Amino acid sequence: MKRVSPFSPRVLNEAFPSPNNPYLRQLDFWNPARHNPHVLVVGAGGIGSWVVVQLAKLGVSKITVYDADHVSPHNLSTTVYRPADIGKLKVEALVGAVRRMELPAEIRSRPVIYKGQSLRGYDVVISAVDSMAARKLLFQEARRQKVPFYVDGRIGGENLRVYAVRPSGRKDARLYRSTIVPDSQASELPCTGQQISDVNGMTASLIVRAVRKWVAERTYVPEVITTMKTLQFVIAPSQGGRRAQPQVRTQRRRQLRRGRASHRARSGV
């Protein structure tokens, strides 16, 4: 007898709550039948590969990925790729990784560098790139092409940042642009201290959380800064929904100023 996929309409349409529904444990937070954004991920490396897998696990069915790079041996410890993927295009290896999990997501691979191509039709654009120049271009295009929501993850050793903004919002755009510096000003980390899987996974999780909260609740946190070395978080006040009280917002602004200065000194991102 042919095995029925747990993601088949037959299973997903069973009377609620069905123990056979693979999304049962998350339906209070995200229901794939109700939320179905088209997400673009630019970059399929230490951040982007985990983001795509987590989005597919969440139930996002339409994901497009840009990356022109190939899988190298040094990628194996910090990405979702396996030894058999060495030499393959990252986007193609990523499609294979999701397919092996038998997830129903449609991953559209674009094995090219993003250079300003059309962003029409995307509900969310995610920056998982490794240079400030690439971030600057992607955000400019997201703003110019009126993308509703934009998320950017950055890693430097054990330090990470995640930005989640509305490109069309003046305050959001001003905040994001203030974090873009020339690549020449970023501190250069040793090749043995650039990334580690737990930091990459945490960054990806915060990015996917930002997508989930925006699509399902129309709320977002514009800026999160943390170091995994001490697990210290500095978080900007939430936007949309219920907001923090004025005295809390003032305190968070002070923490953010200190956190940005400290984070830049440590990682240069």
C-alpha atoms as a PDB file:
ATOM      1  CA  MET A   1       0.000   0.000   0.000  1.00  0.00           C
ATOM      2  CA  LYS A   2       1.319   3.418  -0.945  1.00  0.00           C
ATOM      3  CA  ARG A   3       2.247   5.569   2.045  1.00  0.00           C
ATOM      4  CA  VAL A   4       0.156   8.717   2.420  1.00  0.00           C
ATOM      5  CA  SER A   5       2.193  11.865   3.006  1.00  0.00           C
ATOM      6  CA  PRO A   6       1.398  13.571   6.328  1.00  0.00           C
ATOM      7  CA  PHE A   7       1.319  16.819   4.331  1.00  0.00           C
ATOM      8  CA  SER A   8      -1.309  15.613   1.865  1.00  0.00           C
ATOM      9  CA  PRO A   9      -4.668  17.473   1.725  1.00  0.00           C
ATOM     10  CA  ARG A  10      -6.327  14.275   2.885  1.00  0.00           C
ATOM     11  CA  VAL A  11      -4.422  14.400   6.177  1.00  0.00           C
ATOM     12  CA  LEU A  12      -4.398  18.184   6.621  1.00  0.00           C
ATOM     13  CA  ASN A  13      -8.176  18.350   6.115  1.00  0.00           C
ATOM     14  CA  GLU A  14      -8.968  15.757   8.766  1.00  0.00           C
ATOM     15  CA  ALA A  15     -11.279  16.928  11.536  1.00  0.00           C
ATOM     16  CA  PHE A  16      -9.492  19.202  14.018  1.00  0.00           C
ATOM     17  CA  PRO A  17      -7.616  18.451  16.171  1.00  0.00           C
ATOM     18  CA  SER A  18      -6.188  15.509  14.275  1.00  0.00           C
ATOM     19  CA  PRO A  19      -3.062  13.883  15.760  1.00  0.00           C
ATOM     20  CA  ASN A  20      -2.005  13.151  12.184  1.00  0.00           C
ATOM     21  CA  ASN A  21      -1.657  16.839  11.309  1.00  0.00           C
ATOM     22  CA  PRO A  22       2.107  17.568  11.167  1.00  0.00           C
ATOM     23  CA  TYR A  23       1.440  21.204  12.153  1.00  0.00           C
ATOM     24  CA  LEU A  24      -0.751  20.366  15.160  1.00  0.00           C
ATOM     25  CA  ARG A  25       1.650  21.661  17.841  1.00  0.00           C
ATOM     26  CA  GLN A  26       2.096  25.073  16.208  1.00  0.00           C
ATOM     27  CA  LEU A  27      -1.391  25.972  14.963  1.00  0.00           C
ATOM     28  CA  ASP A  28      -2.004  28.542  17.723  1.00  0.00           C
ATOM     29  CA  PHE A  29       1.037  30.434  16.450  1.00  0.00           C
ATOM     30  CA  TRP A  30       1.087  29.732  12.717  1.00  0.00           C
ATOM     31  CA  ASN A  31      -1.399  27.951  10.511  1.00  0.00           C
ATOM     32  CA  PRO A  32      -0.024  27.263   7.006  1.00  0.00           C
ATOM     33  CA  ALA A  33      -3.584  27.098   5.672  1.00  0.00           C
ATOM     34  CA  ARG A  34      -4.111  30.704   6.752  1.00  0.00           C
ATOM     35  CA  HIS A  35      -0.649  32.194   6.282  1.00  0.00           C
ATOM     36  CA  ASN A  36       1.111  31.650   2.984  1.00  0.00           C
ATOM     37  CA  PRO A  37       3.649  34.392   2.217  1.00  0.00           C
ATOM     38  CA  HIS A  38       6.086  34.289  -0.688  1.00  0.00           C
ATOM     39  CA  VAL A  39       9.517  34.725   0.886  1.00  0.00           C
ATOM     40  CA  LEU A  40      12.761  35.633  -0.851  1.00  0.00           C
ATOM     41  CA  VAL A  41      16.031  34.625   0.832  1.00  0.00           C
ATOM     42  CA  VAL A  42      19.201  36.177  -0.586  1.00  0.00           C
ATOM     43  CA  GLY A  43      22.124  34.027   0.524  1.00  0.00           C
ATOM     44  CA  ALA A  44      22.193  30.265   1.146  1.00  0.00           C
ATOM     45  CA  GLY A  45      25.140  29.979   3.523  1.00  0.00           C
ATOM     46  CA  GLY A  46      25.537  29.952   7.299  1.00  0.00           C
ATOM     47  CA  ILE A  47      22.355  31.952   7.882  1.00  0.00           C
ATOM     48  CA  GLY A  48      20.283  31.474   4.739  1.00  0.00           C
ATOM     49  CA  SER A  49      20.412  27.687   4.570  1.00  0.00           C
ATOM     50  CA  TRP A  50      19.036  27.356   8.121  1.00  0.00           C
ATOM     51  CA  VAL A  51      16.417  30.035   7.438  1.00  0.00           C
ATOM     52  CA  VAL A  52      15.092  28.143   4.429  1.00  0.00           C
ATOM     53  CA  VAL A  53      14.859  24.853   6.351  1.00  0.00           C
ATOM     54  CA  GLN A  54      13.091  26.532   9.277  1.00  0.00           C
ATOM     55  CA  LEU A  55      10.653  28.330   6.977  1.00  0.00           C
ATOM     56  CA  ALA A  56       9.869  25.051   5.229  1.00  0.00           C
ATOM     57  CA  LYS A  57       9.351  23.357   8.613  1.00  0.00           C
ATOM     58  CA  LEU A  58       7.031  26.199   9.623  1.00  0.00           C
ATOM     59  CA  GLY A  59       4.885  25.505   6.586  1.00  0.00           C
ATOM     60  CA  VAL A  60       5.898  28.346   4.269  1.00  0.00           C
ATOM     61  CA  SER A  61       5.319  26.835   0.851  1.00  0.00           C
ATOM     62  CA  LYS A  62       6.775  29.466  -1.497  1.00  0.00           C
ATOM     63  CA  ILE A  63      10.465  30.261  -0.992  1.00  0.00           C
ATOM     64  CA  THR A  64      12.900  31.667  -3.540  1.00  0.00           C
ATOM     65  CA  VAL A  65      16.648  31.584  -2.862  1.00  0.00           C
ATOM     66  CA  TYR A  66      19.467  33.543  -4.531  1.00  0.00           C
ATOM     67  CA  ASP A  67      23.089  32.403  -4.253  1.00  0.00           C
ATOM     68  CA  ALA A  68      25.766  31.864  -6.900  1.00  0.00           C
ATOM     69  CA  ASP A  69      28.247  30.112  -4.598  1.00  0.00           C
ATOM     70  CA  HIS A  70      29.158  26.425  -4.375  1.00  0.00           C
ATOM     71  CA  VAL A  71      29.388  24.244  -1.274  1.00  0.00           C
ATOM     72  CA  SER A  72      32.945  24.000   0.105  1.00  0.00           C
ATOM     73  CA  PRO A  73      34.336  21.703   2.822  1.00  0.00           C
ATOM     74  CA  HIS A  74      34.489  24.575   5.331  1.00  0.00           C
ATOM     75  CA  ASN A  75      30.719  25.051   4.938  1.00  0.00           C
ATOM     76  CA  LEU A  76      29.839  21.645   6.361  1.00  0.00           C
ATOM     77  CA  SER A  77      29.980  22.564  10.060  1.00  0.00           C
ATOM     78  CA  THR A  78      27.988  25.787   9.795  1.00  0.00           C
ATOM     79  CA  THR A  79      25.267  25.035   7.222  1.00  0.00           C
ATOM     80  CA  VAL A  80      22.701  22.342   6.422  1.00  0.00           C
ATOM     81  CA  TYR A  81      24.912  20.814   3.727  1.00  0.00           C
ATOM     82  CA  ARG A  82      26.480  17.336   3.766  1.00  0.00           C
ATOM     83  CA  PRO A  83      29.773  16.014   2.318  1.00  0.00           C
ATOM     84  CA  ALA A  84      27.989  14.740  -0.779  1.00  0.00           C
ATOM     85  CA  ASP A  85      27.026  18.352  -1.554  1.00  0.00           C
ATOM     86  CA  ILE A  86      30.619  19.607  -1.903  1.00  0.00           C
ATOM     87  CA  GLY A  87      31.030  21.230  -5.291  1.00  0.00           C
ATOM     88  CA  LYS A  88      27.311  21.645  -5.884  1.00  0.00           C
ATOM     89  CA  LEU A  89      25.599  25.001  -6.138  1.00  0.00           C
ATOM     90  CA  LYS A  90      24.325  25.917  -2.678  1.00  0.00           C
ATOM     91  CA  VAL A  91      20.835  26.666  -3.954  1.00  0.00           C
ATOM     92  CA  GLU A  92      20.599  23.260  -5.621  1.00  0.00           C
ATOM     93  CA  ALA A  93      21.971  21.467  -2.560  1.00  0.00           C
ATOM     94  CA  LEU A  94      19.436  23.339  -0.442  1.00  0.00           C
ATOM     95  CA  VAL A  95      16.565  22.233  -2.655  1.00  0.00           C
ATOM     96  CA  GLY A  96      17.816  18.677  -2.176  1.00  0.00           C
ATOM     97  CA  ALA A  97      18.038  19.065   1.601  1.00  0.00           C
ATOM     98  CA  VAL A  98      14.420  20.213   1.869  1.00  0.00           C
ATOM     99  CA  ARG A  99      13.285  17.494  -0.545  1.00  0.00           C
ATOM    100  CA  ARG A 100      14.946  14.796   1.573  1.00  0.00           C
ATOM    101  CA  MET A 101      12.916  16.007   4.550  1.00  0.00           C
ATOM    102  CA  GLU A 102       9.787  15.424   2.438  1.00  0.00           C
ATOM    103  CA  LEU A 103       8.525  18.907   3.228  1.00  0.00           C
ATOM    104  CA  PRO A 104       5.917  20.341   0.846  1.00  0.00           C
ATOM    105  CA  ALA A 105       7.683  23.678   0.316  1.00  0.00           C
ATOM    106  CA  GLU A 106       8.399  24.768  -3.236  1.00  0.00           C
ATOM    107  CA  ILE A 107      11.984  26.052  -3.233  1.00  0.00           C
ATOM    108  CA  ARG A 108      12.821  28.092  -6.325  1.00  0.00           C
ATOM    109  CA  SER A 109      16.569  28.278  -6.833  1.00  0.00           C
ATOM    110  CA  ARG A 110      18.295  31.242  -8.423  1.00  0.00           C
ATOM    111  CA  PRO A 111      22.027  30.412  -8.833  1.00  0.00           C
ATOM    112  CA  VAL A 112      23.037  34.024  -9.441  1.00  0.00           C
ATOM    113  CA  ILE A 113      24.154  37.063  -7.453  1.00  0.00           C
ATOM    114  CA  TYR A 114      21.367  39.485  -6.620  1.00  0.00           C
ATOM    115  CA  LYS A 115      22.045  42.669  -8.593  1.00  0.00           C
ATOM    116  CA  GLY A 116      18.738  44.491  -8.441  1.00  0.00           C
ATOM    117  CA  GLN A 117      16.363  41.996 -10.016  1.00  0.00           C
ATOM    118  CA  SER A 118      12.625  42.410  -9.623  1.00  0.00           C
ATOM    119  CA  LEU A 119      11.195  41.876  -6.145  1.00  0.00           C
ATOM    120  CA  ARG A 120       7.608  41.994  -7.332  1.00  0.00           C
ATOM    121  CA  GLY A 121       5.367  39.435  -5.658  1.00  0.00           C
ATOM    122  CA  TYR A 122       7.489  38.882  -2.555  1.00  0.00           C
ATOM    123  CA  ASP A 123       5.809  39.500   0.792  1.00  0.00           C
ATOM    124  CA  VAL A 124       9.063  39.252   2.746  1.00  0.00           C
ATOM    125  CA  VAL A 125      12.684  39.705   1.668  1.00  0.00           C
ATOM    126  CA  ILE A 126      15.412  38.214   3.868  1.00  0.00           C
ATOM    127  CA  SER A 127      19.014  39.359   3.665  1.00  0.00           C
ATOM    128  CA  ALA A 128      21.455  36.551   4.496  1.00  0.00           C
ATOM    129  CA  VAL A 129      24.393  38.083   2.663  1.00  0.00           C
ATOM    130  CA  ASP A 130      27.961  38.578   3.858  1.00  0.00           C
ATOM    131  CA  SER A 131      28.784  42.162   2.906  1.00  0.00           C
ATOM    132  CA  MET A 132      27.494  45.626   3.694  1.00  0.00           C
ATOM    133  CA  ALA A 133      27.486  46.517  -0.008  1.00  0.00           C
ATOM    134  CA  ALA A 134      25.094  43.642  -0.726  1.00  0.00           C
ATOM    135  CA  ARG A 135      22.860  44.666   2.181  1.00  0.00           C
ATOM    136  CA  LYS A 136      22.774  48.263   0.996  1.00  0.00           C
ATOM    137  CA  LEU A 137      21.736  47.275  -2.524  1.00  0.00           C
ATOM    138  CA  LEU A 138      19.098  44.796  -1.363  1.00  0.00           C
ATOM    139  CA  PHE A 139      17.511  47.265   1.043  1.00  0.00           C
ATOM    140  CA  GLN A 140      17.525  50.031  -1.562  1.00  0.00           C
ATOM    141  CA  GLU A 141      15.700  47.756  -3.973  1.00  0.00           C
ATOM    142  CA  ALA A 142      13.272  46.531  -1.300  1.00  0.00           C
ATOM    143  CA  ARG A 143      12.401  50.139  -0.511  1.00  0.00           C
ATOM    144  CA  ARG A 144      12.220  51.240  -4.147  1.00  0.00           C
ATOM    145  CA  GLN A 145      10.122  48.241  -5.155  1.00  0.00           C
ATOM    146  CA  LYS A 146       7.844  48.599  -2.126  1.00  0.00           C
ATOM    147  CA  VAL A 147       8.491  45.238  -0.467  1.00  0.00           C
ATOM    148  CA  PRO A 148       6.226  45.086   2.631  1.00  0.00           C
ATOM    149  CA  PHE A 149       8.750  43.579   5.066  1.00  0.00           C
ATOM    150  CA  TYR A 150      12.531  43.140   5.173  1.00  0.00           C
ATOM    151  CA  VAL A 151      14.668  41.094   7.583  1.00  0.00           C
ATOM    152  CA  ASP A 152      18.469  41.118   7.811  1.00  0.00           C
ATOM    153  CA  GLY A 153      20.663  38.768   9.846  1.00  0.00           C
ATOM    154  CA  ARG A 154      24.311  39.484  10.645  1.00  0.00           C
ATOM    155  CA  ILE A 155      26.937  37.355  12.354  1.00  0.00           C
ATOM    156  CA  GLY A 156      30.441  38.098  13.607  1.00  0.00           C
ATOM    157  CA  GLY A 157      31.904  35.290  15.681  1.00  0.00           C
ATOM    158  CA  GLU A 158      29.588  34.848  18.684  1.00  0.00           C
ATOM    159  CA  ASN A 159      27.851  38.174  18.061  1.00  0.00           C
ATOM    160  CA  LEU A 160      24.691  38.572  16.062  1.00  0.00           C
ATOM    161  CA  ARG A 161      22.172  41.175  14.960  1.00  0.00           C
ATOM    162  CA  VAL A 162      18.750  40.827  13.389  1.00  0.00           C
ATOM    163  CA  TYR A 163      16.897  43.752  11.824  1.00  0.00           C
ATOM    164  CA  ALA A 164      13.211  43.493  10.919  1.00  0.00           C
ATOM    165  CA  VAL A 165      11.790  46.604   9.277  1.00  0.00           C
ATOM    166  CA  ARG A 166       9.201  47.981   6.894  1.00  0.00           C
ATOM    167  CA  PRO A 167      11.272  49.491   4.061  1.00  0.00           C
ATOM    168  CA  SER A 168       8.599  52.093   3.359  1.00  0.00           C
ATOM    169  CA  GLY A 169       8.588  53.326   6.965  1.00  0.00           C
ATOM    170  CA  ARG A 170      10.664  56.459   7.512  1.00  0.00           C
ATOM    171  CA  LYS A 171      11.793  55.569  11.029  1.00  0.00           C
ATOM    172  CA  ASP A 172      12.556  51.996  10.040  1.00  0.00           C
ATOM    173  CA  ALA A 173      14.512  53.076   6.968  1.00  0.00           C
ATOM    174  CA  ARG A 174      16.477  55.625   9.000  1.00  0.00           C
ATOM    175  CA  LEU A 175      17.323  53.017  11.635  1.00  0.00           C
ATOM    176  CA  TYR A 176      18.445  50.442   9.095  1.00  0.00           C
ATOM    177  CA  ARG A 177      20.503  52.837   7.014  1.00  0.00           C
ATOM    178  CA  SER A 178      22.310  54.028  10.137  1.00  0.00           C
ATOM    179  CA  THR A 179      23.721  50.498  10.573  1.00  0.00           C
ATOM    180  CA  ILE A 180      25.208  50.268   7.067  1.00  0.00           C
ATOM    181  CA  VAL A 181      28.914  51.114   7.048  1.00  0.00           C
ATOM    182  CA  PRO A 182      31.526  50.630   4.314  1.00  0.00           C
ATOM    183  CA  ASP A 183      32.913  47.091   4.232  1.00  0.00           C
ATOM    184  CA  SER A 184      36.368  48.572   4.753  1.00  0.00           C
ATOM    185  CA  GLN A 185      35.301  49.690   8.244  1.00  0.00           C
ATOM    186  CA  ALA A 186      34.174  46.247   9.390  1.00  0.00           C
ATOM    187  CA  SER A 187      36.602  44.438  11.661  1.00  0.00           C
ATOM    188  CA  GLU A 188      38.211  41.441   9.977  1.00  0.00           C
ATOM    189  CA  LEU A 189      37.783  38.253  11.984  1.00  0.00           C
ATOM    190  CA  PRO A 190      40.243  35.322  11.809  1.00  0.00           C
ATOM    191  CA  CYS A 191      39.163  32.520   9.474  1.00  0.00           C
ATOM    192  CA  THR A 192      38.833  30.220  12.509  1.00  0.00           C
ATOM    193  CA  GLY A 193      36.570  32.628  14.433  1.00  0.00           C
ATOM    194  CA  GLN A 194      33.937  33.761  11.956  1.00  0.00           C
ATOM    195  CA  GLN A 195      30.962  31.435  12.464  1.00  0.00           C
ATOM    196  CA  ILE A 196      29.693  28.563  14.576  1.00  0.00           C
ATOM    197  CA  SER A 197      26.538  26.521  14.112  1.00  0.00           C
ATOM    198  CA  ASP A 198      24.713  27.509  17.317  1.00  0.00           C
ATOM    199  CA  VAL A 199      25.046  31.213  16.503  1.00  0.00           C
ATOM    200  CA  ASN A 200      23.931  30.606  12.928  1.00  0.00           C
ATOM    201  CA  GLY A 201      20.939  28.628  14.168  1.00  0.00           C
ATOM    202  CA  MET A 202      19.986  31.311  16.689  1.00  0.00           C
ATOM    203  CA  THR A 203      20.191  33.992  14.012  1.00  0.00           C
ATOM    204  CA  ALA A 204      18.031  31.950  11.660  1.00  0.00           C
ATOM    205  CA  SER A 205      15.492  31.345  14.436  1.00  0.00           C
ATOM    206  CA  LEU A 206      15.210  35.069  15.176  1.00  0.00           C
ATOM    207  CA  ILE A 207      14.747  35.776  11.472  1.00  0.00           C
ATOM    208  CA  VAL A 208      11.996  33.160  11.116  1.00  0.00           C
ATOM    209  CA  ARG A 209      10.349  34.479  14.287  1.00  0.00           C
ATOM    210  CA  ALA A 210      10.326  37.952  12.726  1.00  0.00           C
ATOM    211  CA  VAL A 211       8.625  36.578   9.614  1.00  0.00           C
ATOM    212  CA  ARG A 212       6.082  34.659  11.687  1.00  0.00           C
ATOM    213  CA  LYS A 213       5.197  37.599  13.911  1.00  0.00           C
ATOM    214  CA  TRP A 214       4.881  40.007  10.990  1.00  0.00           C
ATOM    215  CA  VAL A 215       2.741  37.770   8.784  1.00  0.00           C
ATOM    216  CA  ALA A 216       0.514  36.379  11.554  1.00  0.00           C
ATOM    217  CA  GLU A 217       0.240  39.387  13.890  1.00  0.00           C
ATOM    218  CA  ARG A 218       1.610  42.435  12.044  1.00  0.00           C
ATOM    219  CA  THR A 219       4.055  43.070  14.897  1.00  0.00           C
ATOM    220  CA  TYR A 220       7.827  43.240  14.716  1.00  0.00           C
ATOM    221  CA  VAL A 221      10.965  44.078  16.693  1.00  0.00           C
ATOM    222  CA  PRO A 222      13.169  46.374  14.570  1.00  0.00           C
ATOM    223  CA  GLU A 223      16.507  45.496  16.146  1.00  0.00           C
ATOM    224  CA  VAL A 224      17.920  42.645  18.216  1.00  0.00           C
ATOM    225  CA  ILE A 225      21.575  42.582  19.269  1.00  0.00           C
ATOM    226  CA  THR A 226      23.120  39.786  21.302  1.00  0.00           C
ATOM    227  CA  THR A 227      26.307  37.916  22.024  1.00  0.00           C
ATOM    228  CA  MET A 228      26.089  34.170  22.526  1.00  0.00           C
ATOM    229  CA  LYS A 229      29.197  34.346  24.681  1.00  0.00           C
ATOM    230  CA  THR A 230      27.247  35.839  27.597  1.00  0.00           C
ATOM    231  CA  LEU A 231      23.653  35.567  26.304  1.00  0.00           C
ATOM    232  CA  GLN A 232      23.070  39.290  26.737  1.00  0.00           C
ATOM    233  CA  PHE A 233      20.184  40.573  24.613  1.00  0.00           C
ATOM    234  CA  VAL A 234      19.473  44.171  23.663  1.00  0.00           C
ATOM    235  CA  ILE A 235      16.077  44.516  21.988  1.00  0.00           C
ATOM    236  CA  ALA A 236      14.433  47.535  20.390  1.00  0.00           C
ATOM    237  CA  PRO A 237      10.802  48.265  21.348  1.00  0.00           C
ATOM    238  CA  SER A 238       8.230  46.280  19.383  1.00  0.00           C
ATOM    239  CA  GLN A 239       6.275  47.934  16.594  1.00  0.00           C
ATOM    240  CA  GLY A 240       2.620  47.245  15.937  1.00  0.00           C
ATOM    241  CA  GLY A 241       0.268  45.645  18.427  1.00  0.00           C
ATOM    242  CA  ARG A 242       0.917  46.485  22.077  1.00  0.00           C
ATOM    243  CA  ARG A 243       3.961  48.674  22.652  1.00  0.00           C
ATOM    244  CA  ALA A 244       6.245  49.126  25.621  1.00  0.00           C
ATOM    245  CA  GLN A 245       5.579  51.907  28.119  1.00  0.00           C
ATOM    246  CA  PRO A 246       7.555  55.191  27.631  1.00  0.00           C
ATOM    247  CA  GLN A 247       9.942  54.568  30.530  1.00  0.00           C
ATOM    248  CA  VAL A 248      10.711  51.089  29.200  1.00  0.00           C
ATOM    249  CA  ARG A 249      11.340  52.480  25.700  1.00  0.00           C
ATOM    250  CA  THR A 250      13.770  55.049  27.114  1.00  0.00           C
ATOM    251  CA  GLN A 251      15.673  52.351  28.990  1.00  0.00           C
ATOM    252  CA  ARG A 252      15.832  50.168  25.886  1.00  0.00           C
ATOM    253  CA  ARG A 253      17.171  53.035  23.783  1.00  0.00           C
ATOM    254  CA  ARG A 254      20.042  53.474  26.235  1.00  0.00           C
ATOM    255  CA  GLN A 255      20.738  49.733  26.146  1.00  0.00           C
ATOM    256  CA  LEU A 256      20.693  49.775  22.343  1.00  0.00           C
ATOM    257  CA  ARG A 257      23.210  52.618  22.153  1.00  0.00           C
ATOM    258  CA  ARG A 258      25.559  50.750  24.483  1.00  0.00           C
ATOM    259  CA  GLY A 259      24.926  47.445  22.713  1.00  0.00           C
ATOM    260  CA  ARG A 260      25.605  48.833  19.229  1.00  0.00           C
ATOM    261  CA  ALA A 261      28.883  50.391  20.297  1.00  0.00           C
ATOM    262  CA  SER A 262      30.023  47.242  22.100  1.00  0.00           C
ATOM    263  CA  HIS A 263      28.929  44.925  19.293  1.00  0.00           C
ATOM    264  CA  ARG A 264      30.682  46.966  16.606  1.00  0.00           C
ATOM    265  CA  ALA A 265      33.904  46.977  18.644  1.00  0.00           C
ATOM    266  CA  ARG A 266      33.781  43.181  19.003  1.00  0.00           C
ATOM    267  CA  SER A 267      32.680  42.084  15.557  1.00  0.00           C
ATOM    268  CA  GLY A 268      32.597  45.024  13.215  1.00  0.00           C
ATOM    269  CA  VAL A 269      29.136  44.102  11.884  1.00  0.00           C
END
